Amino acid sequence: MAWSLSFRFLLTLHRQVASKTASKASLSPTRNSSSSPPKKYPSFVKIVEVGPRDGLQNEKTILPTSVKVDFINQLSSTGLRVIETTSFVNTTLVPQMRDNTLLFKSICKNDAISYPVLVPNMKGLQQALDAGVSEVAVFASASDAFSLRNVNCNASKALETVEAVTKEALARGLRVRGYVSCCLGCPYEGEIHPEKVAKIAERLYTTGCYEISLGDTIGVGTPSSMSRLLQEVVKYVPVANIAVHCHDTYGQALPNILTALEFGVSTVDSSVAGLGGCPFAEGATGNVATEDVVYMLDGLGIKTGVDLRKLVEISDYICYHLKRETASRAGKAIASRKKTQK
């Protein structure tokens, strides 16, 4: 009986303390108590916002150009350094990108921000050049089956095209970023061997891509598989030139990003509100939400230069126009707390 009373007293005390702590909590995460992050993590992480391109490409609601322009202009005010804006692809297959030229010419560009666009081939590159871009992104797949469904040729042939596009873009004075898709699994082939990804990444890097983004296109990766992948890729590409692009299908995106940070990777792709998916990978859910990534990094004391509160407001804006809810857990929590405080 005495033990029972003592236990009840401690339980009551714990609840009172927890209640007071919660009531005083701010919208910011609990930070690492030290003034700098643990040495195993980078001190700064560059966020590549892919919402306007990779995020919107798989959304069923086709947005007016004016809404997309406003979306990108708002993102430009958050402290982001890179915002992928659109793609010059087959718009019959990806109708959300039909306004690519008008969109790119209409956004208010900040000299401190890069606004890359995705191009799959020489035709797309020329359209991008005509629109006045200064940076493009190219992509290759680690899976033959995925490549056939995406660009209608096997991975080897597609990589040859990517190399030719990269060389031409560099010759025309553009910066080029490279993507490798299906790095941790393919919806058609299953497991992808890290050595295969590493060799593709090496070819993109040696061809002239300044950064190689490793994509978990269908979100099947785990910290273990991400670790195996990076152990192999860093043999061929400097870690400073590697980025990770994680989809959150199985809720593993943040753990996978944390694993990449432990390897020294300091560039992370993400999409505000967790928008996206892949039109050529059935079942793949959206990208990891930018709000969730920034919240986690803030909590680790890792600088991003990105304003989390502004991201949440922009998420509300774009989700309103898409008629959908945000997929960001941090975004939902912050928005809910703001409502209760009004």
Protein backbone atom coordinates (compact mmCIF):
# COMPACT_ATOMS: atom_id res chain seq x y z
CA MET A 1 0.00 0.00 0.00
CA ALA A 2 2.80 2.43 0.92
CA TRP A 3 4.52 1.68 -2.40
CA SER A 4 1.26 2.27 -4.24
CA LEU A 5 0.74 5.67 -2.58
CA SER A 6 4.34 6.65 -3.26
CA PHE A 7 4.02 5.63 -6.90
CA ARG A 8 0.81 7.62 -7.27
CA PHE A 9 2.44 10.67 -5.75
CA LEU A 10 5.41 10.47 -8.14
CA LEU A 11 3.12 9.91 -11.11
CA THR A 12 1.04 12.97 -10.16
CA LEU A 13 4.19 15.05 -9.73
CA HIS A 14 5.52 13.88 -13.11
CA ARG A 15 2.29 14.87 -14.86
CA GLN A 16 2.32 18.32 -13.26
CA VAL A 17 5.90 18.96 -14.36
CA ALA A 18 5.22 17.65 -17.86
CA SER A 19 2.14 19.86 -18.15
CA LYS A 20 4.06 22.97 -17.10
CA THR A 21 6.90 22.16 -19.48
CA ALA A 22 4.55 21.68 -22.43
CA SER A 23 2.74 24.94 -21.73
CA LYS A 24 6.02 26.85 -21.85
CA ALA A 25 7.33 25.18 -25.00
CA SER A 26 7.99 27.41 -28.00
CA LEU A 27 7.54 26.63 -31.67
CA SER A 28 11.23 25.82 -31.92
CA PRO A 29 12.74 22.38 -31.25
CA THR A 30 14.71 21.63 -28.11
CA ARG A 31 18.26 22.39 -29.14
CA ASN A 32 21.49 20.68 -28.35
CA SER A 33 22.76 22.30 -25.13
CA SER A 34 26.20 22.97 -26.58
CA SER A 35 26.83 26.03 -28.74
CA SER A 36 27.81 23.89 -31.73
CA PRO A 37 26.64 20.52 -33.08
CA PRO A 38 28.49 17.29 -32.32
CA LYS A 39 31.67 17.02 -34.38
CA LYS A 40 30.31 14.07 -36.34
CA TYR A 41 27.74 16.34 -38.02
CA PRO A 42 28.36 19.24 -40.44
CA SER A 43 28.01 22.71 -38.90
CA PHE A 44 25.92 23.87 -41.88
CA VAL A 45 23.56 22.00 -44.19
CA LYS A 46 22.43 23.36 -47.53
CA ILE A 47 18.77 22.65 -48.23
CA VAL A 48 17.82 22.14 -51.88
CA GLU A 49 14.11 22.90 -52.09
CA VAL A 50 12.57 20.72 -54.80
CA GLY A 51 8.90 21.44 -54.08
CA PRO A 52 8.12 23.55 -57.16
CA ARG A 53 9.48 20.84 -59.46
CA ASP A 54 9.72 17.38 -57.90
CA GLY A 55 7.00 18.24 -55.42
CA LEU A 56 4.39 19.52 -57.85
CA GLN A 57 5.10 17.18 -60.77
CA ASN A 58 3.04 14.35 -59.30
CA GLU A 59 0.22 16.45 -57.85
CA LYS A 60 -3.08 15.88 -59.62
CA THR A 61 -4.27 19.45 -59.21
CA ILE A 62 -2.80 21.54 -62.03
CA LEU A 63 -1.99 24.93 -60.54
CA PRO A 64 -2.21 28.28 -62.34
CA THR A 65 1.16 29.75 -63.25
CA SER A 66 0.48 32.72 -61.00
CA VAL A 67 0.16 30.47 -57.95
CA LYS A 68 3.43 28.68 -58.78
CA VAL A 69 5.21 31.99 -59.27
CA ASP A 70 3.94 33.24 -55.92
CA PHE A 71 4.94 29.93 -54.33
CA ILE A 72 8.54 30.23 -55.56
CA ASN A 73 8.76 33.92 -54.71
CA GLN A 74 7.66 33.16 -51.16
CA LEU A 75 10.24 30.37 -50.90
CA SER A 76 12.88 32.88 -51.98
CA SER A 77 12.19 34.86 -48.79
CA THR A 78 12.93 31.97 -46.39
CA GLY A 79 16.72 31.88 -46.57
CA LEU A 80 16.87 28.92 -48.96
CA ARG A 81 19.90 28.97 -51.26
CA VAL A 82 18.63 26.58 -53.93
CA ILE A 83 15.08 26.28 -55.30
CA GLU A 84 14.47 23.85 -58.15
CA THR A 85 11.78 25.61 -60.12
CA THR A 86 10.50 23.48 -63.01
CA SER A 87 11.47 20.92 -65.63
CA PHE A 88 11.68 20.90 -69.41
CA VAL A 89 10.33 17.41 -69.97
CA ASN A 90 7.60 15.80 -72.03
CA THR A 91 4.63 17.78 -70.75
CA THR A 92 2.17 15.23 -72.09
CA LEU A 93 3.51 12.88 -69.42
CA VAL A 94 4.06 15.61 -66.80
CA PRO A 95 1.32 18.21 -67.47
CA GLN A 96 2.12 20.23 -64.33
CA MET A 97 5.26 21.47 -66.12
CA ARG A 98 3.52 22.82 -69.23
CA ASP A 99 4.17 26.41 -68.21
CA ASN A 100 7.90 25.87 -67.63
CA THR A 101 9.20 28.75 -69.78
CA LEU A 102 6.61 31.28 -68.64
CA LEU A 103 7.10 30.24 -65.03
CA PHE A 104 10.86 30.60 -65.09
CA LYS A 105 10.72 33.98 -66.77
CA SER A 106 8.06 35.23 -64.32
CA ILE A 107 9.66 34.48 -60.95
CA CYS A 108 11.54 37.19 -59.06
CA LYS A 109 15.10 35.93 -58.94
CA ASN A 110 17.42 36.64 -56.03
CA ASP A 111 21.10 36.79 -56.98
CA ALA A 112 21.98 34.85 -53.82
CA ILE A 113 19.72 31.93 -54.81
CA SER A 114 20.17 29.27 -57.51
CA TYR A 115 17.08 28.34 -59.52
CA PRO A 116 17.97 25.11 -61.37
CA VAL A 117 15.61 23.34 -63.76
CA LEU A 118 15.51 19.67 -64.71
CA VAL A 119 16.34 18.65 -68.30
CA PRO A 120 16.23 15.06 -69.64
CA ASN A 121 17.79 15.53 -73.06
CA MET A 122 19.18 18.00 -75.62
CA LYS A 123 15.71 19.26 -76.52
CA GLY A 124 14.99 20.06 -72.90
CA LEU A 125 18.38 21.72 -72.54
CA GLN A 126 17.75 23.98 -75.51
CA GLN A 127 14.34 24.97 -74.13
CA ALA A 128 15.96 25.77 -70.81
CA LEU A 129 18.64 27.86 -72.50
CA ASP A 130 15.96 29.75 -74.42
CA ALA A 131 14.23 30.48 -71.12
CA GLY A 132 17.43 32.01 -69.74
CA VAL A 133 18.45 29.50 -67.08
CA SER A 134 21.91 29.47 -65.53
CA GLU A 135 21.79 26.00 -63.95
CA VAL A 136 20.29 22.67 -64.94
CA ALA A 137 19.87 19.30 -63.29
CA VAL A 138 20.28 16.05 -65.18
CA PHE A 139 19.30 12.58 -64.05
CA ALA A 140 20.29 8.97 -64.54
CA SER A 141 18.80 5.85 -63.05
CA ALA A 142 20.53 2.96 -61.35
CA SER A 143 17.74 0.70 -62.68
CA ASP A 144 17.26 -0.38 -66.29
CA ALA A 145 13.55 -1.06 -65.78
CA PHE A 146 12.93 2.33 -64.20
CA SER A 147 14.94 4.06 -66.93
CA LEU A 148 12.88 2.36 -69.64
CA ARG A 149 9.66 3.66 -68.08
CA ASN A 150 11.07 7.11 -67.45
CA VAL A 151 13.09 7.98 -70.59
CA ASN A 152 12.34 4.97 -72.82
CA CYS A 153 15.84 3.51 -72.88
CA ASN A 154 18.03 1.41 -70.61
CA ALA A 155 20.20 2.93 -67.90
CA SER A 156 23.43 2.68 -69.90
CA LYS A 157 22.00 4.45 -72.95
CA ALA A 158 20.32 7.05 -70.76
CA LEU A 159 23.63 7.77 -69.03
CA GLU A 160 25.29 8.41 -72.38
CA THR A 161 22.58 10.99 -73.13
CA VAL A 162 23.04 12.59 -69.73
CA GLU A 163 26.79 12.87 -70.28
CA ALA A 164 26.25 14.52 -73.66
CA VAL A 165 23.72 16.97 -72.18
CA THR A 166 26.07 17.76 -69.31
CA LYS A 167 29.00 18.49 -71.61
CA GLU A 168 26.86 20.74 -73.81
CA ALA A 169 25.43 22.59 -70.82
CA LEU A 170 28.92 23.18 -69.42
CA ALA A 171 30.09 24.39 -72.83
CA ARG A 172 27.22 26.88 -72.80
CA GLY A 173 28.31 28.23 -69.42
CA LEU A 174 25.73 26.51 -67.20
CA ARG A 175 26.25 24.80 -63.88
CA VAL A 176 25.07 21.19 -63.82
CA ARG A 177 23.79 19.13 -60.92
CA GLY A 178 23.33 15.38 -61.29
CA TYR A 179 20.69 13.04 -59.88
CA VAL A 180 20.90 9.28 -59.56
CA SER A 181 17.45 7.76 -59.02
CA CYS A 182 16.47 4.44 -57.42
CA CYS A 183 19.70 4.32 -55.40
CA LEU A 184 18.19 2.27 -52.58
CA GLY A 185 15.62 0.27 -54.49
CA CYS A 186 13.54 0.08 -57.64
CA PRO A 187 9.78 -0.60 -57.91
CA TYR A 188 10.48 -3.01 -60.78
CA GLU A 189 13.91 -4.51 -60.07
CA GLY A 190 13.97 -4.47 -56.28
CA GLU A 191 17.32 -4.06 -54.53
CA ILE A 192 19.99 -2.00 -56.26
CA HIS A 193 23.65 -2.76 -55.53
CA PRO A 194 25.61 0.20 -54.10
CA GLU A 195 28.52 -0.45 -56.48
CA LYS A 196 26.27 0.21 -59.46
CA VAL A 197 25.12 3.51 -58.01
CA ALA A 198 28.69 4.50 -57.17
CA LYS A 199 29.88 3.94 -60.73
CA ILE A 200 27.05 6.07 -62.15
CA ALA A 201 27.74 8.80 -59.62
CA GLU A 202 31.42 8.74 -60.56
CA ARG A 203 30.61 9.17 -64.26
CA LEU A 204 28.34 12.11 -63.56
CA TYR A 205 30.95 13.72 -61.35
CA THR A 206 33.84 13.22 -63.77
CA THR A 207 31.70 14.52 -66.63
CA GLY A 208 31.35 17.80 -64.76
CA CYS A 209 28.35 17.70 -62.43
CA TYR A 210 29.34 19.79 -59.41
CA GLU A 211 27.06 17.82 -57.09
CA ILE A 212 25.54 14.35 -57.17
CA SER A 213 22.19 13.84 -55.46
CA LEU A 214 21.50 10.23 -54.46
CA GLY A 215 17.78 9.58 -54.67
CA ASP A 216 15.75 7.07 -52.70
CA THR A 217 13.01 7.47 -55.28
CA ILE A 218 10.51 5.08 -53.73
CA GLY A 219 11.47 5.64 -50.11
CA VAL A 220 12.44 2.05 -49.25
CA GLY A 221 15.83 2.85 -47.77
CA THR A 222 16.83 2.40 -44.13
CA PRO A 223 19.81 3.79 -42.21
CA SER A 224 21.58 0.48 -42.84
CA SER A 225 21.11 0.55 -46.61
CA MET A 226 21.94 4.27 -46.72
CA SER A 227 25.15 3.54 -44.84
CA ARG A 228 26.13 0.79 -47.29
CA LEU A 229 25.38 3.08 -50.21
CA LEU A 230 27.48 5.96 -48.91
CA GLN A 231 30.36 3.69 -47.94
CA GLU A 232 30.63 2.81 -51.61
CA VAL A 233 29.88 6.18 -53.23
CA VAL A 234 32.44 8.13 -51.18
CA LYS A 235 35.14 5.95 -52.76
CA TYR A 236 34.42 7.65 -56.07
CA VAL A 237 32.89 11.06 -55.30
CA PRO A 238 34.09 13.49 -52.59
CA VAL A 239 31.58 13.67 -49.76
CA ALA A 240 31.46 17.47 -50.18
CA ASN A 241 29.92 16.88 -53.61
CA ILE A 242 27.25 14.41 -52.48
CA ALA A 243 23.63 15.20 -51.61
CA VAL A 244 20.79 12.95 -50.51
CA HIS A 245 17.24 13.01 -51.83
CA CYS A 246 14.92 10.94 -49.63
CA HIS A 247 11.28 10.09 -50.10
CA ASP A 248 9.34 9.20 -46.97
CA THR A 249 7.22 6.23 -48.05
CA TYR A 250 8.15 4.12 -45.03
CA GLY A 251 8.88 6.99 -42.65
CA GLN A 252 12.63 6.48 -42.93
CA ALA A 253 13.64 9.75 -44.60
CA LEU A 254 14.83 11.60 -41.49
CA PRO A 255 16.80 8.62 -40.11
CA ASN A 256 18.39 8.18 -43.53
CA ILE A 257 19.33 11.87 -43.66
CA LEU A 258 20.82 11.64 -40.19
CA THR A 259 22.90 8.69 -41.38
CA ALA A 260 24.12 10.75 -44.34
CA LEU A 261 25.08 13.61 -42.02
CA GLU A 262 27.22 11.19 -40.02
CA PHE A 263 29.14 10.48 -43.23
CA GLY A 264 29.73 14.21 -43.67
CA VAL A 265 27.07 14.86 -46.32
CA SER A 266 25.99 18.49 -45.99
CA THR A 267 23.39 18.91 -48.75
CA VAL A 268 19.83 17.63 -48.41
CA ASP A 269 17.00 17.77 -50.95
CA SER A 270 13.49 18.25 -49.55
CA SER A 271 10.07 19.53 -50.48
CA VAL A 272 7.91 21.93 -48.48
CA ALA A 273 4.80 20.17 -47.10
CA GLY A 274 6.27 16.84 -48.21
CA LEU A 275 4.88 17.40 -51.71
CA GLY A 276 5.57 14.99 -54.49
CA GLY A 277 6.11 11.47 -55.55
CA CYS A 278 7.25 10.09 -58.87
CA PRO A 279 4.95 9.72 -61.90
CA PHE A 280 7.04 6.73 -63.03
CA ALA A 281 7.22 4.94 -59.66
CA GLU A 282 3.80 3.74 -58.56
CA GLY A 283 3.30 3.82 -54.81
CA ALA A 284 6.10 6.26 -54.05
CA THR A 285 4.97 8.95 -51.64
CA GLY A 286 6.24 12.49 -51.34
CA ASN A 287 9.67 13.85 -50.59
CA VAL A 288 10.74 14.39 -47.02
CA ALA A 289 9.16 17.65 -45.84
CA THR A 290 11.49 20.64 -45.70
CA GLU A 291 9.88 21.72 -42.42
CA ASP A 292 10.71 18.37 -40.82
CA VAL A 293 14.31 18.49 -42.02
CA VAL A 294 14.84 22.06 -40.80
CA TYR A 295 13.19 21.25 -37.46
CA MET A 296 15.52 18.29 -36.95
CA LEU A 297 18.62 20.25 -37.97
CA ASP A 298 17.64 23.18 -35.75
CA GLY A 299 17.34 20.75 -32.86
CA LEU A 300 20.84 19.46 -33.56
CA GLY A 301 22.23 22.98 -33.62
CA ILE A 302 23.07 22.65 -37.32
CA LYS A 303 22.63 25.88 -39.24
CA THR A 304 20.59 26.04 -42.45
CA GLY A 305 19.78 29.74 -42.71
CA VAL A 306 16.14 28.77 -43.34
CA ASP A 307 13.22 30.32 -41.47
CA LEU A 308 11.03 27.46 -40.23
CA ARG A 309 8.01 29.63 -39.44
CA LYS A 310 7.98 31.04 -42.96
CA LEU A 311 8.16 27.52 -44.37
CA VAL A 312 5.05 26.55 -42.41
CA GLU A 313 3.16 29.59 -43.73
CA ILE A 314 4.19 28.75 -47.31
CA SER A 315 3.16 25.16 -46.76
CA ASP A 316 -0.30 26.35 -45.74
CA TYR A 317 -0.45 28.49 -48.88
CA ILE A 318 0.44 25.78 -51.37
CA CYS A 319 -1.66 23.10 -49.65
CA TYR A 320 -4.67 25.42 -49.78
CA HIS A 321 -4.31 25.70 -53.56
CA LEU A 322 -3.67 21.98 -53.96
CA LYS A 323 -6.68 21.19 -51.74
CA ARG A 324 -4.67 18.78 -49.63
CA GLU A 325 -3.11 18.56 -46.17
CA THR A 326 0.55 19.00 -45.47
CA ALA A 327 2.55 15.82 -44.97
CA SER A 328 4.92 17.60 -42.59
CA ARG A 329 4.60 16.47 -38.98
CA ALA A 330 6.53 19.49 -37.74
CA GLY A 331 4.38 21.75 -39.89
CA LYS A 332 1.17 20.31 -38.50
CA ALA A 333 2.37 20.64 -34.91
CA ILE A 334 3.54 24.23 -35.33
CA ALA A 335 0.35 25.27 -37.13
CA SER A 336 -1.78 23.62 -34.45
CA ARG A 337 0.10 25.33 -31.65
CA LYS A 338 -0.24 28.71 -33.33
CA LYS A 339 -4.01 28.23 -33.54
CA THR A 340 -4.31 27.37 -29.85
CA GLN A 341 -2.28 30.44 -28.90
CA LYS A 342 -4.58 32.84 -30.74
